[in-house]
Amino acid sequence: MLLLELLAYNSYLVAALAGLFGLMVGSFLNVVIYRLPIMMQRNWRKECTEYLQLEPNPTDDDEPFNLMVPLSRCPNCQTPIKPYQNLPVVSYLLLKGRCAACSQPISSRYPLIEAFTALLSVFVAWHFGYSAQCGFALLLTWSLVALSFIDIDHHLLPDSINLPLIWLGLILSLFNVFTDAHTSIIGAVAGYMGLRMVYHLFKFATGKEGMGFGDFKLLALFGAWLGWQYLPLIILLSSLVGAVIGISMMIFVKRDHNIPIPFGPYLAAAGWIAMLWGTDINRWYLNYAGL
């Protein structure tokens, strides 16, 4: 009871605990980001083989592979990583960014994702304080980190993350955690159908696919969690950031404009901003516009 009272009245403690927990979750997200797409590919291969009635090829796909097994190991020498070598950020610094067994460099991406997840968790905890909103906002934040990096790597937004979150957002609306059921249902429908219409119009006009179906579901997710009123802001912010980064990459990195850029991370960032500061941004805009 004393801890709960401290959390209720001490925002610094809530933010600090959220940051520490975010570090640990970030370590797990590294596993999700790497393994979930491989799990999906193996499952698709298995389904195609069964559907076409083909003999399965003897591959290492028969080895159990999920988010829990096999244990993490060095990709170079395959030496299992000991628990004390897997402490978020700290182990990377102590090992000086190299494998303890073969001394090969470890990607700095792992500690960066851990630190990034912790930082976002601190922002969420500081904004919402000790509340049900904080707990669910942290869950959404961690899921968005996983979705964003998977989309960057594979141009893929897994249904196994998207769809449960849409349903969770609708369920939360029954208890008015972030919004009411009326605006949540309309938001989910409008988010999905809105981007889907844009997709078909763009394809009709250019003959190309401008975005994937996962993007529709991601915007539906935000509609379910926050309500339809936040969708214009999310679309505007994500489009603006996507355009700026895309043009910058073409100018400074000489990226081919024909190479597709994943839209999911921009949607995720815009939705996260809307969750924390969307009300203030909408109010500022309406006052600025004199509405």
Protein backbone atom coordinates (compact mmCIF):
# COMPACT_ATOMS: atom_id res chain seq x y z
CA MET A 1 0.00 0.00 0.00
CA LEU A 2 2.84 2.39 0.82
CA LEU A 3 4.37 1.87 -2.64
CA LEU A 4 1.02 2.52 -4.31
CA GLU A 5 0.63 5.73 -2.33
CA LEU A 6 4.13 6.82 -3.31
CA LEU A 7 3.38 6.13 -6.98
CA ALA A 8 0.10 8.04 -6.78
CA TYR A 9 1.79 11.21 -5.49
CA ASN A 10 5.33 11.02 -6.89
CA SER A 11 5.56 11.54 -10.65
CA TYR A 12 9.35 11.24 -10.57
CA LEU A 13 9.16 7.75 -9.09
CA VAL A 14 6.56 6.65 -11.66
CA ALA A 15 8.73 7.96 -14.51
CA ALA A 16 11.88 6.33 -13.10
CA LEU A 17 10.21 2.93 -12.70
CA ALA A 18 8.70 3.21 -16.18
CA GLY A 19 12.14 3.98 -17.60
CA LEU A 20 13.75 0.97 -15.89
CA PHE A 21 10.93 -1.30 -16.99
CA GLY A 22 11.15 0.19 -20.47
CA LEU A 23 14.81 -0.86 -20.67
CA MET A 24 13.86 -4.46 -19.96
CA VAL A 25 10.95 -4.36 -22.38
CA GLY A 26 13.25 -2.83 -25.01
CA SER A 27 15.53 -5.86 -24.69
CA PHE A 28 12.55 -8.13 -25.35
CA LEU A 29 11.44 -5.94 -28.26
CA ASN A 30 14.78 -6.57 -29.93
CA VAL A 31 13.86 -10.26 -29.91
CA VAL A 32 10.37 -9.55 -31.28
CA ILE A 33 11.68 -7.28 -34.04
CA TYR A 34 14.18 -9.90 -35.21
CA ARG A 35 12.25 -13.13 -34.70
CA LEU A 36 8.60 -12.35 -35.45
CA PRO A 37 9.13 -11.75 -39.21
CA ILE A 38 11.15 -14.99 -39.44
CA MET A 39 8.38 -16.85 -37.61
CA MET A 40 5.84 -15.43 -40.06
CA GLN A 41 7.94 -16.39 -43.09
CA ARG A 42 8.35 -19.95 -41.81
CA ASN A 43 4.63 -20.21 -41.20
CA TRP A 44 3.83 -18.91 -44.69
CA ARG A 45 6.29 -21.39 -46.21
CA LYS A 46 4.70 -24.23 -44.27
CA GLU A 47 1.16 -23.20 -45.29
CA CYS A 48 2.17 -22.91 -48.96
CA THR A 49 3.84 -26.33 -48.87
CA GLU A 50 0.74 -27.92 -47.33
CA TYR A 51 -1.63 -26.14 -49.73
CA LEU A 52 0.37 -27.18 -52.80
CA GLN A 53 0.80 -30.68 -51.36
CA LEU A 54 4.56 -30.54 -51.74
CA GLU A 55 7.10 -32.54 -49.83
CA PRO A 56 8.72 -30.32 -47.21
CA ASN A 57 12.41 -29.77 -47.76
CA PRO A 58 14.69 -30.84 -44.92
CA THR A 59 15.75 -27.50 -43.48
CA ASP A 60 16.46 -26.01 -40.12
CA ASP A 61 12.85 -24.78 -40.06
CA ASP A 62 12.08 -27.93 -38.10
CA GLU A 63 14.04 -26.57 -35.17
CA PRO A 64 11.75 -24.81 -32.65
CA PHE A 65 11.92 -21.09 -33.27
CA ASN A 66 9.74 -18.60 -31.45
CA LEU A 67 10.08 -15.65 -29.11
CA MET A 68 11.35 -17.88 -26.30
CA VAL A 69 13.55 -20.52 -27.97
CA PRO A 70 16.28 -20.86 -28.99
CA LEU A 71 18.11 -18.75 -26.41
CA SER A 72 19.86 -15.64 -27.69
CA ARG A 73 23.29 -16.27 -29.16
CA CYS A 74 26.03 -14.50 -31.04
CA PRO A 75 25.15 -14.44 -34.77
CA ASN A 76 28.83 -14.94 -35.64
CA CYS A 77 30.10 -17.74 -33.37
CA GLN A 78 26.69 -19.02 -32.17
CA THR A 79 27.83 -18.90 -28.53
CA PRO A 80 24.80 -18.62 -26.22
CA ILE A 81 24.55 -15.26 -24.46
CA LYS A 82 24.62 -15.63 -20.69
CA PRO A 83 21.96 -13.82 -18.64
CA TYR A 84 24.45 -11.38 -17.11
CA GLN A 85 25.64 -10.52 -20.65
CA ASN A 86 22.11 -9.61 -21.66
CA LEU A 87 21.44 -6.69 -19.30
CA PRO A 88 19.88 -3.82 -21.28
CA VAL A 89 22.46 -1.22 -22.38
CA VAL A 90 24.74 -2.02 -19.41
CA SER A 91 26.07 -5.29 -20.86
CA TYR A 92 26.76 -3.63 -24.20
CA LEU A 93 28.85 -0.95 -22.47
CA LEU A 94 30.70 -3.44 -20.26
CA LEU A 95 31.49 -5.66 -23.26
CA LYS A 96 32.52 -2.56 -25.22
CA GLY A 97 30.11 -3.50 -28.00
CA ARG A 98 31.73 -6.86 -28.74
CA CYS A 99 30.89 -10.54 -28.26
CA ALA A 100 32.53 -11.96 -25.12
CA ALA A 101 33.48 -15.16 -26.98
CA CYS A 102 34.65 -14.09 -30.45
CA SER A 103 35.08 -10.32 -30.01
CA GLN A 104 33.01 -9.58 -33.10
CA PRO A 105 31.20 -6.21 -32.97
CA ILE A 106 27.63 -6.22 -31.69
CA SER A 107 25.21 -3.96 -33.54
CA SER A 108 24.65 -0.69 -31.67
CA ARG A 109 21.02 -0.96 -32.72
CA TYR A 110 20.23 -3.23 -29.76
CA PRO A 111 21.14 -0.80 -26.96
CA LEU A 112 19.70 2.11 -28.95
CA ILE A 113 16.29 0.40 -29.15
CA GLU A 114 16.48 -0.39 -25.43
CA ALA A 115 17.35 3.22 -24.55
CA PHE A 116 14.76 4.59 -26.99
CA THR A 117 12.03 2.40 -25.47
CA ALA A 118 13.03 3.54 -21.98
CA LEU A 119 12.94 7.20 -23.02
CA LEU A 120 9.48 6.89 -24.56
CA SER A 121 8.29 5.08 -21.43
CA VAL A 122 9.49 7.96 -19.26
CA PHE A 123 7.57 10.46 -21.41
CA VAL A 124 4.39 8.38 -21.16
CA ALA A 125 4.66 7.90 -17.39
CA TRP A 126 5.39 11.57 -16.81
CA HIS A 127 2.42 12.61 -18.93
CA PHE A 128 -0.21 10.25 -17.54
CA GLY A 129 1.11 9.66 -14.04
CA TYR A 130 0.07 6.65 -11.99
CA SER A 131 -3.14 5.63 -13.74
CA ALA A 132 -4.79 3.01 -15.92
CA GLN A 133 -4.15 5.28 -18.89
CA CYS A 134 -0.42 5.13 -18.17
CA GLY A 135 -0.36 1.32 -18.14
CA PHE A 136 -2.21 0.93 -21.41
CA ALA A 137 -0.32 3.83 -23.04
CA LEU A 138 2.95 2.08 -22.17
CA LEU A 139 1.68 -1.14 -23.76
CA LEU A 140 0.73 0.75 -26.92
CA THR A 141 4.07 2.58 -26.97
CA TRP A 142 6.08 -0.65 -26.75
CA SER A 143 3.95 -2.22 -29.48
CA LEU A 144 4.51 0.79 -31.74
CA VAL A 145 8.28 0.48 -31.31
CA ALA A 146 8.13 -3.15 -32.45
CA LEU A 147 5.81 -2.35 -35.36
CA SER A 148 7.97 0.55 -36.53
CA PHE A 149 11.25 -1.33 -36.64
CA ILE A 150 9.69 -4.41 -38.23
CA ASP A 151 8.24 -2.14 -40.92
CA ILE A 152 11.63 -0.49 -41.46
CA ASP A 153 13.30 -3.89 -41.86
CA HIS A 154 10.66 -5.80 -43.81
CA HIS A 155 7.95 -3.33 -44.96
CA LEU A 156 5.57 -5.35 -42.83
CA LEU A 157 3.13 -4.51 -40.02
CA PRO A 158 2.17 -7.87 -38.46
CA ASP A 159 -1.50 -8.61 -37.84
CA SER A 160 -0.45 -10.48 -34.71
CA ILE A 161 0.33 -7.08 -33.17
CA ASN A 162 -2.08 -4.79 -35.01
CA LEU A 163 -5.33 -6.72 -34.66
CA PRO A 164 -5.21 -7.47 -30.91
CA LEU A 165 -4.47 -3.79 -30.27
CA ILE A 166 -7.48 -2.72 -32.34
CA TRP A 167 -9.72 -4.99 -30.26
CA LEU A 168 -8.09 -3.79 -27.04
CA GLY A 169 -8.74 -0.17 -28.02
CA LEU A 170 -12.41 -0.95 -28.64
CA ILE A 171 -12.68 -2.75 -25.30
CA LEU A 172 -11.00 0.13 -23.45
CA SER A 173 -13.54 2.53 -24.95
CA LEU A 174 -16.29 0.70 -23.05
CA PHE A 175 -14.62 1.99 -19.86
CA ASN A 176 -13.76 5.46 -21.28
CA VAL A 177 -10.05 4.92 -20.69
CA PHE A 178 -9.02 7.15 -23.60
CA THR A 179 -12.32 7.84 -25.34
CA ASP A 180 -15.91 6.61 -25.44
CA ALA A 181 -17.23 3.66 -27.40
CA HIS A 182 -19.09 5.81 -29.95
CA THR A 183 -16.03 7.76 -31.11
CA SER A 184 -13.83 4.64 -30.83
CA ILE A 185 -15.96 2.56 -33.18
CA ILE A 186 -16.29 5.39 -35.69
CA GLY A 187 -12.54 6.01 -35.38
CA ALA A 188 -11.64 2.39 -36.12
CA VAL A 189 -13.91 2.26 -39.17
CA ALA A 190 -12.90 5.71 -40.44
CA GLY A 191 -9.20 5.00 -39.92
CA TYR A 192 -9.29 1.78 -41.91
CA MET A 193 -11.64 2.90 -44.68
CA GLY A 194 -10.06 6.33 -45.04
CA LEU A 195 -6.58 5.05 -45.87
CA ARG A 196 -8.01 2.22 -47.95
CA MET A 197 -9.82 4.75 -50.14
CA VAL A 198 -6.61 6.75 -50.51
CA TYR A 199 -4.80 3.53 -51.46
CA HIS A 200 -7.30 2.70 -54.23
CA LEU A 201 -7.39 6.26 -55.56
CA PHE A 202 -3.59 6.39 -55.69
CA LYS A 203 -3.42 2.99 -57.39
CA PHE A 204 -6.06 4.05 -59.93
CA ALA A 205 -4.20 7.28 -60.70
CA THR A 206 -0.63 5.90 -60.81
CA GLY A 207 -0.95 2.14 -61.20
CA LYS A 208 1.23 1.73 -58.09
CA GLU A 209 0.52 0.74 -54.53
CA GLY A 210 1.22 3.72 -52.28
CA MET A 211 0.95 1.85 -48.97
CA GLY A 212 0.25 -1.56 -47.50
CA PHE A 213 -2.80 -3.02 -45.79
CA GLY A 214 -0.97 -2.93 -42.47
CA ASP A 215 -1.05 0.87 -42.64
CA PHE A 216 -4.87 0.79 -42.83
CA LYS A 217 -5.00 -1.35 -39.70
CA LEU A 218 -2.50 0.85 -37.87
CA LEU A 219 -4.62 3.95 -38.45
CA ALA A 220 -7.71 1.96 -37.44
CA LEU A 221 -5.82 1.09 -34.26
CA PHE A 222 -5.36 4.76 -33.41
CA GLY A 223 -8.98 5.46 -34.27
CA ALA A 224 -10.05 2.74 -31.83
CA TRP A 225 -7.78 3.97 -29.06
CA LEU A 226 -8.14 7.75 -29.41
CA GLY A 227 -11.34 8.35 -31.39
CA TRP A 228 -12.04 9.71 -34.84
CA GLN A 229 -11.25 13.32 -33.85
CA TYR A 230 -7.53 12.58 -33.82
CA LEU A 231 -7.33 10.95 -37.24
CA PRO A 232 -6.88 14.17 -39.30
CA LEU A 233 -4.03 15.22 -37.01
CA ILE A 234 -2.35 11.81 -37.28
CA ILE A 235 -2.63 11.75 -41.07
CA LEU A 236 -1.33 15.33 -41.36
CA LEU A 237 1.64 14.77 -39.02
CA SER A 238 2.63 11.42 -40.55
CA SER A 239 2.39 12.76 -44.11
CA LEU A 240 4.39 15.86 -43.25
CA VAL A 241 7.18 13.96 -41.49
CA GLY A 242 7.21 11.27 -44.19
CA ALA A 243 7.49 13.86 -46.95
CA VAL A 244 10.31 15.76 -45.20
CA ILE A 245 12.33 12.60 -44.46
CA GLY A 246 11.68 11.12 -47.91
CA ILE A 247 12.78 14.26 -49.74
CA SER A 248 15.81 14.62 -47.45
CA MET A 249 16.88 11.04 -48.18
CA MET A 250 16.61 11.63 -51.93
CA ILE A 251 18.64 14.84 -51.71
CA PHE A 252 21.33 13.97 -49.18
CA VAL A 253 21.52 10.16 -49.34
CA LYS A 254 20.75 9.94 -53.08
CA ARG A 255 18.05 7.36 -52.41
CA ASP A 256 16.20 6.22 -55.53
CA HIS A 257 12.68 7.68 -55.46
CA ASN A 258 11.36 4.39 -56.85
CA ILE A 259 12.42 2.52 -53.70
CA PRO A 260 9.41 2.38 -51.36
CA ILE A 261 9.66 3.99 -47.93
CA PRO A 262 7.70 2.34 -45.10
CA PHE A 263 4.87 4.59 -43.90
CA GLY A 264 4.22 2.68 -40.67
CA PRO A 265 6.91 4.41 -38.55
CA TYR A 266 5.53 7.84 -39.48
CA LEU A 267 1.99 6.77 -38.62
CA ALA A 268 3.24 5.29 -35.35
CA ALA A 269 5.12 8.46 -34.41
CA ALA A 270 2.17 10.68 -35.29
CA GLY A 271 -0.25 8.49 -33.35
CA TRP A 272 2.02 8.46 -30.31
CA ILE A 273 2.29 12.26 -30.39
CA ALA A 274 -1.49 12.51 -30.73
CA MET A 275 -1.96 10.22 -27.72
CA LEU A 276 0.15 12.49 -25.52
CA TRP A 277 -0.40 15.98 -26.90
CA GLY A 278 -3.19 15.64 -29.48
CA THR A 279 -5.76 17.52 -27.40
CA ASP A 280 -3.43 20.49 -26.96
CA ILE A 281 -2.45 20.50 -30.64
CA ASN A 282 -6.08 20.35 -31.79
CA ARG A 283 -7.05 23.12 -29.35
CA TRP A 284 -4.18 25.30 -30.54
CA TYR A 285 -5.13 24.78 -34.18
CA LEU A 286 -8.81 25.56 -33.60
CA ASN A 287 -7.90 28.73 -31.69
CA TYR A 288 -5.43 29.72 -34.41
CA ALA A 289 -8.07 29.17 -37.06
CA GLY A 290 -10.64 31.11 -35.04
CA LEU A 291 -13.00 28.12 -34.77
